[in-house]
Protein backbone atom coordinates (compact mmCIF):
# COMPACT_ATOMS: atom_id res chain seq x y z
CA MET A 1 0.09 0.12 0.11
CA THR A 2 1.35 3.55 -0.92
CA PRO A 3 2.05 5.92 1.85
CA ILE A 4 -0.90 8.11 0.50
CA LEU A 5 -3.30 5.22 0.55
CA ARG A 6 -2.16 4.20 3.92
CA PHE A 7 -2.85 7.69 5.17
CA PHE A 8 -6.47 7.87 3.90
CA ALA A 9 -7.12 4.30 5.34
CA TYR A 10 -5.69 5.33 8.86
CA ALA A 11 -7.81 8.70 8.47
CA LEU A 12 -10.95 6.97 7.55
CA LEU A 13 -10.37 4.43 10.67
CA VAL A 14 -9.89 7.57 13.01
CA VAL A 15 -12.96 9.15 11.80
CA THR A 16 -14.85 6.14 12.06
CA PHE A 17 -14.05 5.15 15.46
CA THR A 18 -13.52 8.22 17.23
CA ALA A 19 -16.67 10.17 16.14
CA PRO A 20 -18.91 11.30 19.15
CA ALA A 21 -22.07 9.06 20.04
CA CYS A 22 -24.92 9.89 17.87
CA ALA A 23 -27.39 12.38 18.88
CA GLU A 24 -30.64 11.13 20.57
CA GLU A 25 -34.01 11.45 19.41
CA VAL A 26 -36.70 12.70 21.96
CA LYS A 27 -40.48 12.57 21.54
CA ALA A 28 -42.81 15.07 23.12
CA GLY A 29 -46.29 14.95 22.02
CA ASN A 30 -46.45 15.20 18.29
CA LEU A 31 -42.79 16.71 18.44
CA VAL A 32 -39.60 14.52 17.43
CA ILE A 33 -36.56 16.26 18.25
CA THR A 34 -33.08 15.10 16.79
CA GLN A 35 -29.68 16.10 16.29
CA ALA A 36 -29.20 18.06 19.29
CA TRP A 37 -25.90 19.74 19.43
CA SER A 38 -23.66 22.42 20.37
CA ARG A 39 -19.91 23.56 19.77
CA ALA A 40 -17.18 23.59 22.40
CA THR A 41 -16.45 26.89 23.74
CA PRO A 42 -13.07 28.44 24.65
CA GLY A 43 -12.31 29.11 28.45
CA GLY A 44 -13.91 32.43 29.60
CA ALA A 45 -16.67 32.41 26.91
CA LYS A 46 -20.16 33.37 28.27
CA ILE A 47 -22.26 32.37 25.38
CA ALA A 48 -22.95 29.26 23.16
CA GLY A 49 -25.03 28.21 20.28
CA GLY A 50 -27.54 25.09 20.59
CA TYR A 51 -28.75 23.63 17.47
CA LEU A 52 -31.35 20.75 16.67
CA THR A 53 -34.19 19.76 14.29
CA ILE A 54 -37.70 19.69 15.38
CA GLU A 55 -40.46 17.74 13.36
CA ASN A 56 -44.08 18.40 14.19
CA LYS A 57 -45.76 14.91 13.19
CA GLY A 58 -49.33 16.45 14.36
CA SER A 59 -52.15 18.48 12.80
CA ALA A 60 -51.79 21.33 15.09
CA PRO A 61 -48.77 24.07 15.22
CA ASP A 62 -46.61 24.25 18.39
CA ARG A 63 -44.13 26.95 19.31
CA LEU A 64 -40.58 26.51 21.00
CA ILE A 65 -40.53 29.69 23.66
CA GLY A 66 -37.64 29.03 25.45
CA GLY A 67 -35.54 26.59 27.79
CA SER A 68 -33.23 26.22 30.68
CA GLY A 69 -30.02 24.52 31.74
CA ASP A 70 -27.73 24.13 34.64
CA VAL A 71 -24.87 25.09 32.21
CA ALA A 72 -26.13 28.47 31.69
CA GLY A 73 -28.21 31.47 33.30
CA LYS A 74 -30.56 31.67 30.47
CA VAL A 75 -31.41 29.85 27.46
CA GLU A 76 -33.26 31.85 24.57
CA VAL A 77 -34.47 31.41 21.07
CA HIS A 78 -32.68 33.40 18.30
CA GLU A 79 -32.72 33.99 14.68
CA MET A 80 -29.61 35.23 12.52
CA SER A 81 -30.33 36.74 9.28
CA MET A 82 -28.57 38.97 6.80
CA ASN A 83 -29.98 42.53 6.20
CA ASP A 84 -28.15 44.46 3.66
CA GLY A 85 -25.00 42.56 3.88
CA VAL A 86 -24.82 42.70 7.60
CA MET A 87 -25.42 39.72 9.82
CA THR A 88 -27.81 40.33 12.55
CA MET A 89 -29.07 38.37 15.45
CA ARG A 90 -32.33 38.79 17.59
CA GLN A 91 -34.13 37.10 20.16
CA LEU A 92 -37.44 35.62 19.16
CA ASP A 93 -39.70 37.21 21.70
CA LYS A 94 -42.78 35.38 20.70
CA GLY A 95 -40.86 32.07 20.32
CA LEU A 96 -40.40 29.76 17.19
CA PRO A 97 -43.39 28.59 15.34
CA ILE A 98 -43.34 24.74 14.56
CA GLU A 99 -46.09 24.26 11.92
CA ALA A 100 -48.16 21.11 11.70
CA GLY A 101 -46.59 18.55 9.34
CA LYS A 102 -43.32 20.67 9.03
CA THR A 103 -39.72 20.36 10.18
CA VAL A 104 -37.72 23.36 11.61
CA LYS A 105 -33.80 23.10 12.02
CA LEU A 106 -31.85 25.10 14.31
CA ALA A 107 -28.63 25.62 12.69
CA PRO A 108 -25.60 27.80 12.67
CA GLY A 109 -26.29 31.19 10.76
CA GLY A 110 -30.16 30.69 11.39
CA TYR A 111 -32.63 29.74 14.08
CA HIS A 112 -30.54 28.69 17.28
CA LEU A 113 -30.88 28.43 21.01
CA MET A 114 -28.59 30.98 22.76
CA LEU A 115 -26.96 29.61 26.10
CA LEU A 116 -26.11 32.97 27.94
CA ASP A 117 -23.97 33.42 30.96
CA LEU A 118 -22.35 30.21 30.78
CA LYS A 119 -20.97 28.78 34.07
CA THR A 120 -18.62 26.34 32.41
CA PRO A 121 -16.90 26.00 29.05
CA LEU A 122 -18.41 23.33 26.83
CA LYS A 123 -15.81 20.60 26.11
CA GLN A 124 -15.82 18.47 23.19
CA GLY A 125 -17.48 14.98 23.73
CA ASP A 126 -19.76 16.68 26.54
CA LYS A 127 -23.47 15.96 26.71
CA VAL A 128 -25.07 19.38 27.98
CA PRO A 129 -28.51 18.77 29.67
CA VAL A 130 -31.08 21.24 28.65
CA THR A 131 -34.86 21.72 29.08
CA LEU A 132 -36.77 23.06 26.21
CA GLU A 133 -40.08 24.81 26.56
CA PHE A 134 -42.92 24.34 24.00
CA GLU A 135 -46.46 26.18 24.09
CA LYS A 136 -48.28 22.97 23.67
CA ALA A 137 -45.61 19.95 24.26
CA GLY A 138 -44.69 21.59 27.44
CA LYS A 139 -41.04 21.07 29.06
CA VAL A 140 -38.84 18.43 27.41
CA LYS A 141 -35.37 17.14 28.56
CA LEU A 142 -32.59 16.43 26.28
CA SER A 143 -28.82 16.70 25.93
CA LEU A 144 -26.86 18.80 23.26
CA ASP A 145 -23.71 16.69 21.98
CA VAL A 146 -20.88 19.14 22.25
CA GLN A 147 -18.83 18.76 18.79
CA GLY A 148 -15.54 20.64 17.98
CA VAL A 149 -15.29 24.57 18.27
CA GLY A 150 -15.68 24.88 14.35
CA ALA A 151 -18.29 22.30 13.70
CA GLN A 152 -20.99 23.07 11.28
CA ALA A 153 -23.27 20.03 11.85
CA PRO A 154 -23.59 17.42 14.59
CA ALA A 155 -21.86 13.92 14.15
CA SER A 156 -23.66 11.67 11.94
CA ALA A 157 -26.87 10.43 12.91
CA GLY A 158 -27.33 6.68 13.32
CA GLY A 159 -29.70 4.16 14.42
CA HIS A 160 -29.94 5.07 18.26
CA ASP A 161 -33.40 5.63 19.46
CA HIS A 162 -33.73 7.11 23.02
CA SER A 163 -37.40 7.99 22.64
CA GLY A 164 -37.87 6.64 26.16
CA MET A 165 -36.76 9.94 27.61
CA LYS A 166 -39.57 11.39 29.68
CA LYS A 167 -41.31 14.75 29.23
CA MET A 168 -41.43 16.58 32.44
């Protein structure tokens, strides 16, 4: 095997066997929440983003109105957007609508959770417990899988199903 092929084979093995555990699936009423993750933060950082996918399998809309977590003083729902070439961010005071039969993705550069007043840095590989609050589905506990500092997406999702997690 040539050195280049050996390098790529080794890299593939490293990625395959060192990827973080797959994100859990959490069900709350008609909502299915998957791919909950965050990025590692440098020491001293006071904010972090949280990202996830929410699918509404019901016939009625719901709304993500906020959250909480021991790791942060406050968890808010925010939106980032481009206005005249300038990136702006704002809190969604009325929450984020989750329309019936639709999927909403919270991802870098768009809708996201804002974890404010962090009490400790987020470290790659950690699972950060948070509680989301929905208008109809109520309070839902889940964990954000902490990825690397520059991650743009969660580790690849696989066949893990943790739908037995309890609604508060």
